PDB file of all heavy atoms in Angstrom:
ATOM      1  N   SER A   1     -15.216   7.756   3.459  1.00  0.00           N
ATOM      2  CA  SER A   1     -15.818   7.887   2.114  1.00  0.00           C
ATOM      3  C   SER A   1     -14.917   7.184   1.110  1.00  0.00           C
ATOM      4  O   SER A   1     -13.761   6.902   1.345  1.00  0.00           O
ATOM      5  CB  SER A   1     -15.955   9.357   1.738  1.00  0.00           C
ATOM      6  OG  SER A   1     -14.682   9.947   1.492  1.00  0.00           O
ATOM      7  N   TYR A   2     -15.500   6.938  -0.062  1.00  0.00           N
ATOM      8  CA  TYR A   2     -14.752   6.255  -1.140  1.00  0.00           C
ATOM      9  C   TYR A   2     -13.488   7.073  -1.501  1.00  0.00           C
ATOM     10  O   TYR A   2     -12.378   6.527  -1.579  1.00  0.00           O
ATOM     11  CB  TYR A   2     -15.639   6.095  -2.369  1.00  0.00           C
ATOM     12  CG  TYR A   2     -14.944   5.425  -3.543  1.00  0.00           C
ATOM     13  CD1 TYR A   2     -15.044   4.048  -3.748  1.00  0.00           C
ATOM     14  CD2 TYR A   2     -14.177   6.176  -4.450  1.00  0.00           C
ATOM     15  CE1 TYR A   2     -14.384   3.446  -4.759  1.00  0.00           C
ATOM     16  CE2 TYR A   2     -13.524   5.542  -5.481  1.00  0.00           C
ATOM     17  CZ  TYR A   2     -13.662   4.199  -5.640  1.00  0.00           C
ATOM     18  OH  TYR A   2     -12.983   3.573  -6.699  1.00  0.00           O
ATOM     19  N   THR A   3     -13.683   8.368  -1.592  1.00  0.00           N
ATOM     20  CA  THR A   3     -12.532   9.257  -1.979  1.00  0.00           C
ATOM     21  C   THR A   3     -11.473   9.277  -0.916  1.00  0.00           C
ATOM     22  O   THR A   3     -10.276   9.167  -1.245  1.00  0.00           O
ATOM     23  CB  THR A   3     -13.065  10.701  -2.240  1.00  0.00           C
ATOM     24  OG1 THR A   3     -14.094  10.666  -3.211  1.00  0.00           O
ATOM     25  CG2 THR A   3     -11.929  11.647  -2.694  1.00  0.00           C
ATOM     26  N   SER A   4     -11.839   9.346   0.330  1.00  0.00           N
ATOM     27  CA  SER A   4     -10.880   9.305   1.430  1.00  0.00           C
ATOM     28  C   SER A   4     -10.132   7.982   1.483  1.00  0.00           C
ATOM     29  O   SER A   4      -8.908   7.950   1.649  1.00  0.00           O
ATOM     30  CB  SER A   4     -11.554   9.569   2.761  1.00  0.00           C
ATOM     31  OG  SER A   4     -12.060  10.884   2.828  1.00  0.00           O
ATOM     32  N   ALA A   5     -10.843   6.887   1.275  1.00  0.00           N
ATOM     33  CA  ALA A   5     -10.220   5.571   1.269  1.00  0.00           C
ATOM     34  C   ALA A   5      -9.234   5.419   0.095  1.00  0.00           C
ATOM     35  O   ALA A   5      -8.169   4.841   0.233  1.00  0.00           O
ATOM     36  CB  ALA A   5     -11.274   4.485   1.234  1.00  0.00           C
ATOM     37  N   ALA A   6      -9.644   5.981  -1.062  1.00  0.00           N
ATOM     38  CA  ALA A   6      -8.739   5.925  -2.213  1.00  0.00           C
ATOM     39  C   ALA A   6      -7.446   6.702  -1.977  1.00  0.00           C
ATOM     40  O   ALA A   6      -6.368   6.291  -2.324  1.00  0.00           O
ATOM     41  CB  ALA A   6      -9.476   6.454  -3.476  1.00  0.00           C
ATOM     42  N   ILE A   7      -7.606   7.877  -1.376  1.00  0.00           N
ATOM     43  CA  ILE A   7      -6.428   8.651  -1.037  1.00  0.00           C
ATOM     44  C   ILE A   7      -5.517   7.920  -0.048  1.00  0.00           C
ATOM     45  O   ILE A   7      -4.296   7.891  -0.205  1.00  0.00           O
ATOM     46  CB  ILE A   7      -6.836  10.076  -0.446  1.00  0.00           C
ATOM     47  CG1 ILE A   7      -7.425  10.910  -1.569  1.00  0.00           C
ATOM     48  CG2 ILE A   7      -5.639  10.785   0.182  1.00  0.00           C
ATOM     49  CD1 ILE A   7      -8.143  12.146  -1.065  1.00  0.00           C
ATOM     50  N   LEU A   8      -6.123   7.320   0.963  1.00  0.00           N
ATOM     51  CA  LEU A   8      -5.338   6.577   1.926  1.00  0.00           C
ATOM     52  C   LEU A   8      -4.677   5.344   1.262  1.00  0.00           C
ATOM     53  O   LEU A   8      -3.501   5.051   1.579  1.00  0.00           O
ATOM     54  CB  LEU A   8      -6.185   6.117   3.111  1.00  0.00           C
ATOM     55  CG  LEU A   8      -6.432   7.209   4.158  1.00  0.00           C
ATOM     56  CD1 LEU A   8      -7.391   6.739   5.199  1.00  0.00           C
ATOM     57  CD2 LEU A   8      -5.128   7.671   4.796  1.00  0.00           C
ATOM     58  N   ALA A   9      -5.361   4.703   0.365  1.00  0.00           N
ATOM     59  CA  ALA A   9      -4.766   3.528  -0.329  1.00  0.00           C
ATOM     60  C   ALA A   9      -3.525   3.999  -1.074  1.00  0.00           C
ATOM     61  O   ALA A   9      -2.478   3.346  -1.056  1.00  0.00           O
ATOM     62  CB  ALA A   9      -5.765   2.887  -1.262  1.00  0.00           C
ATOM     63  N   GLU A  10      -3.637   5.132  -1.745  1.00  0.00           N
ATOM     64  CA  GLU A  10      -2.494   5.660  -2.467  1.00  0.00           C
ATOM     65  C   GLU A  10      -1.352   6.052  -1.558  1.00  0.00           C
ATOM     66  O   GLU A  10      -0.214   5.676  -1.765  1.00  0.00           O
ATOM     67  CB  GLU A  10      -2.944   6.869  -3.312  1.00  0.00           C
ATOM     68  CG  GLU A  10      -1.826   7.530  -4.079  1.00  0.00           C
ATOM     69  CD  GLU A  10      -2.261   8.789  -4.796  1.00  0.00           C
ATOM     70  OE1 GLU A  10      -3.482   9.033  -4.880  1.00  0.00           O
ATOM     71  OE2 GLU A  10      -1.392   9.506  -5.230  1.00  0.00           O
ATOM     72  N   GLN A  11      -1.661   6.759  -0.498  1.00  0.00           N
ATOM     73  CA  GLN A  11      -0.639   7.266   0.430  1.00  0.00           C
ATOM     74  C   GLN A  11       0.020   6.126   1.215  1.00  0.00           C
ATOM     75  O   GLN A  11       1.213   6.180   1.479  1.00  0.00           O
ATOM     76  CB  GLN A  11      -1.235   8.281   1.388  1.00  0.00           C
ATOM     77  CG  GLN A  11      -1.735   9.556   0.706  1.00  0.00           C
ATOM     78  CD  GLN A  11      -0.638  10.351   0.125  1.00  0.00           C
ATOM     79  OE1 GLN A  11       0.386  10.613   0.751  1.00  0.00           O
ATOM     80  NE2 GLN A  11      -0.808  10.806  -1.152  1.00  0.00           N
ATOM     81  N   LEU A  12      -0.760   5.159   1.613  1.00  0.00           N
ATOM     82  CA  LEU A  12      -0.242   4.098   2.477  1.00  0.00           C
ATOM     83  C   LEU A  12       0.514   2.991   1.691  1.00  0.00           C
ATOM     84  O   LEU A  12       1.510   2.454   2.169  1.00  0.00           O
ATOM     85  CB  LEU A  12      -1.362   3.400   3.266  1.00  0.00           C
ATOM     86  CG  LEU A  12      -2.101   4.284   4.281  1.00  0.00           C
ATOM     87  CD1 LEU A  12      -3.279   3.494   4.842  1.00  0.00           C
ATOM     88  CD2 LEU A  12      -1.180   4.715   5.384  1.00  0.00           C
ATOM     89  N   PHE A  13       0.025   2.680   0.513  1.00  0.00           N
ATOM     90  CA  PHE A  13       0.488   1.490  -0.160  1.00  0.00           C
ATOM     91  C   PHE A  13       1.137   1.627  -1.532  1.00  0.00           C
ATOM     92  O   PHE A  13       1.956   0.800  -1.915  1.00  0.00           O
ATOM     93  CB  PHE A  13      -0.657   0.462  -0.300  1.00  0.00           C
ATOM     94  CG  PHE A  13      -1.294   0.092   0.961  1.00  0.00           C
ATOM     95  CD1 PHE A  13      -2.569   0.437   1.254  1.00  0.00           C
ATOM     96  CD2 PHE A  13      -0.571  -0.658   1.945  1.00  0.00           C
ATOM     97  CE1 PHE A  13      -3.148   0.120   2.470  1.00  0.00           C
ATOM     98  CE2 PHE A  13      -1.156  -0.984   3.134  1.00  0.00           C
ATOM     99  CZ  PHE A  13      -2.445  -0.619   3.415  1.00  0.00           C
ATOM    100  N   LEU A  14       0.804   2.639  -2.277  1.00  0.00           N
ATOM    101  CA  LEU A  14       1.226   2.700  -3.666  1.00  0.00           C
ATOM    102  C   LEU A  14       2.736   2.596  -3.827  1.00  0.00           C
ATOM    103  O   LEU A  14       3.187   1.693  -4.562  1.00  0.00           O
ATOM    104  CB  LEU A  14       0.653   3.936  -4.356  1.00  0.00           C
ATOM    105  CG  LEU A  14       0.933   4.016  -5.853  1.00  0.00           C
ATOM    106  CD1 LEU A  14       0.272   2.858  -6.600  1.00  0.00           C
ATOM    107  CD2 LEU A  14       0.391   5.332  -6.410  1.00  0.00           C
ATOM    108  N   GLN A  15       3.488   3.455  -3.212  1.00  0.00           N
ATOM    109  CA  GLN A  15       4.956   3.395  -3.370  1.00  0.00           C
ATOM    110  C   GLN A  15       5.549   2.139  -2.805  1.00  0.00           C
ATOM    111  O   GLN A  15       6.491   1.571  -3.365  1.00  0.00           O
ATOM    112  CB  GLN A  15       5.637   4.626  -2.763  1.00  0.00           C
ATOM    113  CG  GLN A  15       5.441   5.900  -3.580  1.00  0.00           C
ATOM    114  CD  GLN A  15       5.859   5.707  -5.030  1.00  0.00           C
ATOM    115  OE1 GLN A  15       6.697   4.897  -5.364  1.00  0.00           O
ATOM    116  NE2 GLN A  15       5.285   6.494  -5.883  1.00  0.00           N
ATOM    117  N   ARG A  16       5.018   1.656  -1.726  1.00  0.00           N
ATOM    118  CA  ARG A  16       5.504   0.400  -1.114  1.00  0.00           C
ATOM    119  C   ARG A  16       5.333  -0.757  -2.085  1.00  0.00           C
ATOM    120  O   ARG A  16       6.240  -1.570  -2.254  1.00  0.00           O
ATOM    121  CB  ARG A  16       4.752   0.093   0.163  1.00  0.00           C
ATOM    122  CG  ARG A  16       5.014   1.076   1.294  1.00  0.00           C
ATOM    123  CD  ARG A  16       4.115   0.724   2.496  1.00  0.00           C
ATOM    124  NE  ARG A  16       3.949   1.852   3.393  1.00  0.00           N
ATOM    125  CZ  ARG A  16       4.715   2.090   4.424  1.00  0.00           C
ATOM    126  NH1 ARG A  16       5.691   1.240   4.745  1.00  0.00           N
ATOM    127  NH2 ARG A  16       4.489   3.123   5.213  1.00  0.00           N
ATOM    128  N   VAL A  17       4.164  -0.846  -2.737  1.00  0.00           N
ATOM    129  CA  VAL A  17       3.901  -1.967  -3.650  1.00  0.00           C
ATOM    130  C   VAL A  17       4.714  -1.792  -4.939  1.00  0.00           C
ATOM    131  O   VAL A  17       5.324  -2.767  -5.391  1.00  0.00           O
ATOM    132  CB  VAL A  17       2.417  -2.114  -3.908  1.00  0.00           C
ATOM    133  CG1 VAL A  17       2.127  -3.046  -5.053  1.00  0.00           C
ATOM    134  CG2 VAL A  17       1.666  -2.534  -2.671  1.00  0.00           C
ATOM    135  N   LEU A  18       4.743  -0.611  -5.493  1.00  0.00           N
ATOM    136  CA  LEU A  18       5.477  -0.410  -6.733  1.00  0.00           C
ATOM    137  C   LEU A  18       6.969  -0.649  -6.573  1.00  0.00           C
ATOM    138  O   LEU A  18       7.653  -0.967  -7.564  1.00  0.00           O
ATOM    139  CB  LEU A  18       5.198   0.998  -7.304  1.00  0.00           C
ATOM    140  CG  LEU A  18       3.783   1.243  -7.789  1.00  0.00           C
ATOM    141  CD1 LEU A  18       3.643   2.669  -8.292  1.00  0.00           C
ATOM    142  CD2 LEU A  18       3.361   0.241  -8.862  1.00  0.00           C
ATOM    143  N   SER A  19       7.468  -0.475  -5.373  1.00  0.00           N
ATOM    144  CA  SER A  19       8.921  -0.627  -5.186  1.00  0.00           C
ATOM    145  C   SER A  19       9.328  -2.003  -4.696  1.00  0.00           C
ATOM    146  O   SER A  19      10.480  -2.256  -4.384  1.00  0.00           O
ATOM    147  CB  SER A  19       9.460   0.451  -4.234  1.00  0.00           C
ATOM    148  OG  SER A  19       8.868   0.269  -2.935  1.00  0.00           O
ATOM    149  N   LEU A  20       8.357  -2.928  -4.584  1.00  0.00           N
ATOM    150  CA  LEU A  20       8.678  -4.290  -4.117  1.00  0.00           C
ATOM    151  C   LEU A  20       9.714  -4.946  -5.036  1.00  0.00           C
ATOM    152  O   LEU A  20       9.502  -5.026  -6.242  1.00  0.00           O
ATOM    153  CB  LEU A  20       7.437  -5.186  -4.075  1.00  0.00           C
ATOM    154  CG  LEU A  20       6.460  -4.938  -2.902  1.00  0.00           C
ATOM    155  CD1 LEU A  20       5.242  -5.851  -3.105  1.00  0.00           C
ATOM    156  CD2 LEU A  20       7.147  -5.260  -1.570  1.00  0.00           C
ATOM    157  N   ALA A  21      10.784  -5.422  -4.416  1.00  0.00           N
ATOM    158  CA  ALA A  21      11.799  -6.203  -5.159  1.00  0.00           C
ATOM    159  C   ALA A  21      11.914  -7.601  -4.618  1.00  0.00           C
ATOM    160  O   ALA A  21      12.613  -8.440  -5.161  1.00  0.00           O
ATOM    161  CB  ALA A  21      13.152  -5.508  -5.098  1.00  0.00           C
ATOM    162  N   GLN A  22      11.205  -7.846  -3.517  1.00  0.00           N
ATOM    163  CA  GLN A  22      11.124  -9.141  -2.887  1.00  0.00           C
ATOM    164  C   GLN A  22       9.735  -9.305  -2.288  1.00  0.00           C
ATOM    165  O   GLN A  22       8.980  -8.331  -2.247  1.00  0.00           O
ATOM    166  CB  GLN A  22      12.217  -9.270  -1.813  1.00  0.00           C
ATOM    167  CG  GLN A  22      12.122  -8.203  -0.730  1.00  0.00           C
ATOM    168  CD  GLN A  22      13.352  -8.275   0.167  1.00  0.00           C
ATOM    169  OE1 GLN A  22      14.302  -8.942  -0.123  1.00  0.00           O
ATOM    170  NE2 GLN A  22      13.293  -7.543   1.285  1.00  0.00           N
ATOM    171  N   PRO A  23       9.351 -10.506  -1.893  1.00  0.00           N
ATOM    172  CA  PRO A  23       8.008 -10.671  -1.341  1.00  0.00           C
ATOM    173  C   PRO A  23       7.728  -9.676  -0.229  1.00  0.00           C
ATOM    174  O   PRO A  23       8.625  -9.320   0.550  1.00  0.00           O
ATOM    175  CB  PRO A  23       7.999 -12.084  -0.829  1.00  0.00           C
ATOM    176  CG  PRO A  23       9.019 -12.807  -1.660  1.00  0.00           C
ATOM    177  CD  PRO A  23      10.099 -11.752  -1.901  1.00  0.00           C
ATOM    178  N   PRO A  24       6.470  -9.213  -0.133  1.00  0.00           N
ATOM    179  CA  PRO A  24       6.139  -8.254   0.944  1.00  0.00           C
ATOM    180  C   PRO A  24       6.318  -8.866   2.310  1.00  0.00           C
ATOM    181  O   PRO A  24       6.126 -10.085   2.488  1.00  0.00           O
ATOM    182  CB  PRO A  24       4.665  -7.931   0.654  1.00  0.00           C
ATOM    183  CG  PRO A  24       4.138  -8.995  -0.196  1.00  0.00           C
ATOM    184  CD  PRO A  24       5.317  -9.562  -0.922  1.00  0.00           C
ATOM    185  N   SER A  25       6.667  -8.045   3.273  1.00  0.00           N
ATOM    186  CA  SER A  25       6.808  -8.519   4.637  1.00  0.00           C
ATOM    187  C   SER A  25       5.467  -8.925   5.201  1.00  0.00           C
ATOM    188  O   SER A  25       4.420  -8.562   4.675  1.00  0.00           O
ATOM    189  CB  SER A  25       7.388  -7.370   5.521  1.00  0.00           C
ATOM    190  OG  SER A  25       6.424  -6.384   5.698  1.00  0.00           O
ATOM    191  N   ARG A  26       5.502  -9.674   6.322  1.00  0.00           N
ATOM    192  CA  ARG A  26       4.235 -10.084   6.919  1.00  0.00           C
ATOM    193  C   ARG A  26       3.475  -8.871   7.402  1.00  0.00           C
ATOM    194  O   ARG A  26       2.215  -8.878   7.405  1.00  0.00           O
ATOM    195  CB  ARG A  26       4.481 -11.130   8.000  1.00  0.00           C
ATOM    196  CG  ARG A  26       5.245 -10.649   9.185  1.00  0.00           C
ATOM    197  CD  ARG A  26       5.504 -11.828  10.180  1.00  0.00           C
ATOM    198  NE  ARG A  26       6.338 -11.403  11.260  1.00  0.00           N
ATOM    199  CZ  ARG A  26       5.921 -10.745  12.348  1.00  0.00           C
ATOM    200  NH1 ARG A  26       4.618 -10.524  12.514  1.00  0.00           N
ATOM    201  NH2 ARG A  26       6.741 -10.390  13.324  1.00  0.00           N
ATOM    202  N   HIS A  27       4.164  -7.831   7.846  1.00  0.00           N
ATOM    203  CA  HIS A  27       3.478  -6.616   8.316  1.00  0.00           C
ATOM    204  C   HIS A  27       2.777  -5.939   7.153  1.00  0.00           C
ATOM    205  O   HIS A  27       1.625  -5.522   7.317  1.00  0.00           O
ATOM    206  CB  HIS A  27       4.502  -5.658   8.938  1.00  0.00           C
ATOM    207  CG  HIS A  27       5.047  -6.085  10.259  1.00  0.00           C
ATOM    208  ND1 HIS A  27       4.263  -6.328  11.361  1.00  0.00           N
ATOM    209  CD2 HIS A  27       6.310  -6.366  10.647  1.00  0.00           C
ATOM    210  CE1 HIS A  27       4.990  -6.648  12.377  1.00  0.00           C
ATOM    211  NE2 HIS A  27       6.254  -6.746  11.977  1.00  0.00           N
ATOM    212  N   LEU A  28       3.448  -5.836   6.008  1.00  0.00           N
ATOM    213  CA  LEU A  28       2.818  -5.211   4.862  1.00  0.00           C
ATOM    214  C   LEU A  28       1.601  -6.010   4.415  1.00  0.00           C
ATOM    215  O   LEU A  28       0.564  -5.443   4.131  1.00  0.00           O
ATOM    216  CB  LEU A  28       3.793  -5.012   3.736  1.00  0.00           C
ATOM    217  CG  LEU A  28       3.262  -4.311   2.447  1.00  0.00           C
ATOM    218  CD1 LEU A  28       2.635  -2.941   2.775  1.00  0.00           C
ATOM    219  CD2 LEU A  28       4.359  -4.178   1.429  1.00  0.00           C
ATOM    220  N   MET A  29       1.727  -7.319   4.392  1.00  0.00           N
ATOM    221  CA  MET A  29       0.599  -8.177   3.984  1.00  0.00           C
ATOM    222  C   MET A  29      -0.562  -8.039   4.962  1.00  0.00           C
ATOM    223  O   MET A  29      -1.716  -7.989   4.548  1.00  0.00           O
ATOM    224  CB  MET A  29       1.064  -9.655   3.871  1.00  0.00           C
ATOM    225  CG  MET A  29       1.716 -10.016   2.606  1.00  0.00           C
ATOM    226  SD  MET A  29       0.836  -9.562   1.109  1.00  0.00           S
ATOM    227  CE  MET A  29      -0.660 -10.543   1.190  1.00  0.00           C
ATOM    228  N   ALA A  30      -0.246  -7.978   6.224  1.00  0.00           N
ATOM    229  CA  ALA A  30      -1.312  -7.795   7.241  1.00  0.00           C
ATOM    230  C   ALA A  30      -2.014  -6.470   7.059  1.00  0.00           C
ATOM    231  O   ALA A  30      -3.245  -6.394   7.144  1.00  0.00           O
ATOM    232  CB  ALA A  30      -0.715  -7.903   8.665  1.00  0.00           C
TER     233      ALA A  30
END
C-alpha cells in the first residue's frame, strides 16, 4: 500500500540519504 511503501522508504533510506557526505555507493544507488 502507499502507506506501507512510505514507511519503508523512510526506514530504509531516509537516514542513509540525509547522512551522505560522499556520493552514494553502487549498492545504495541500486
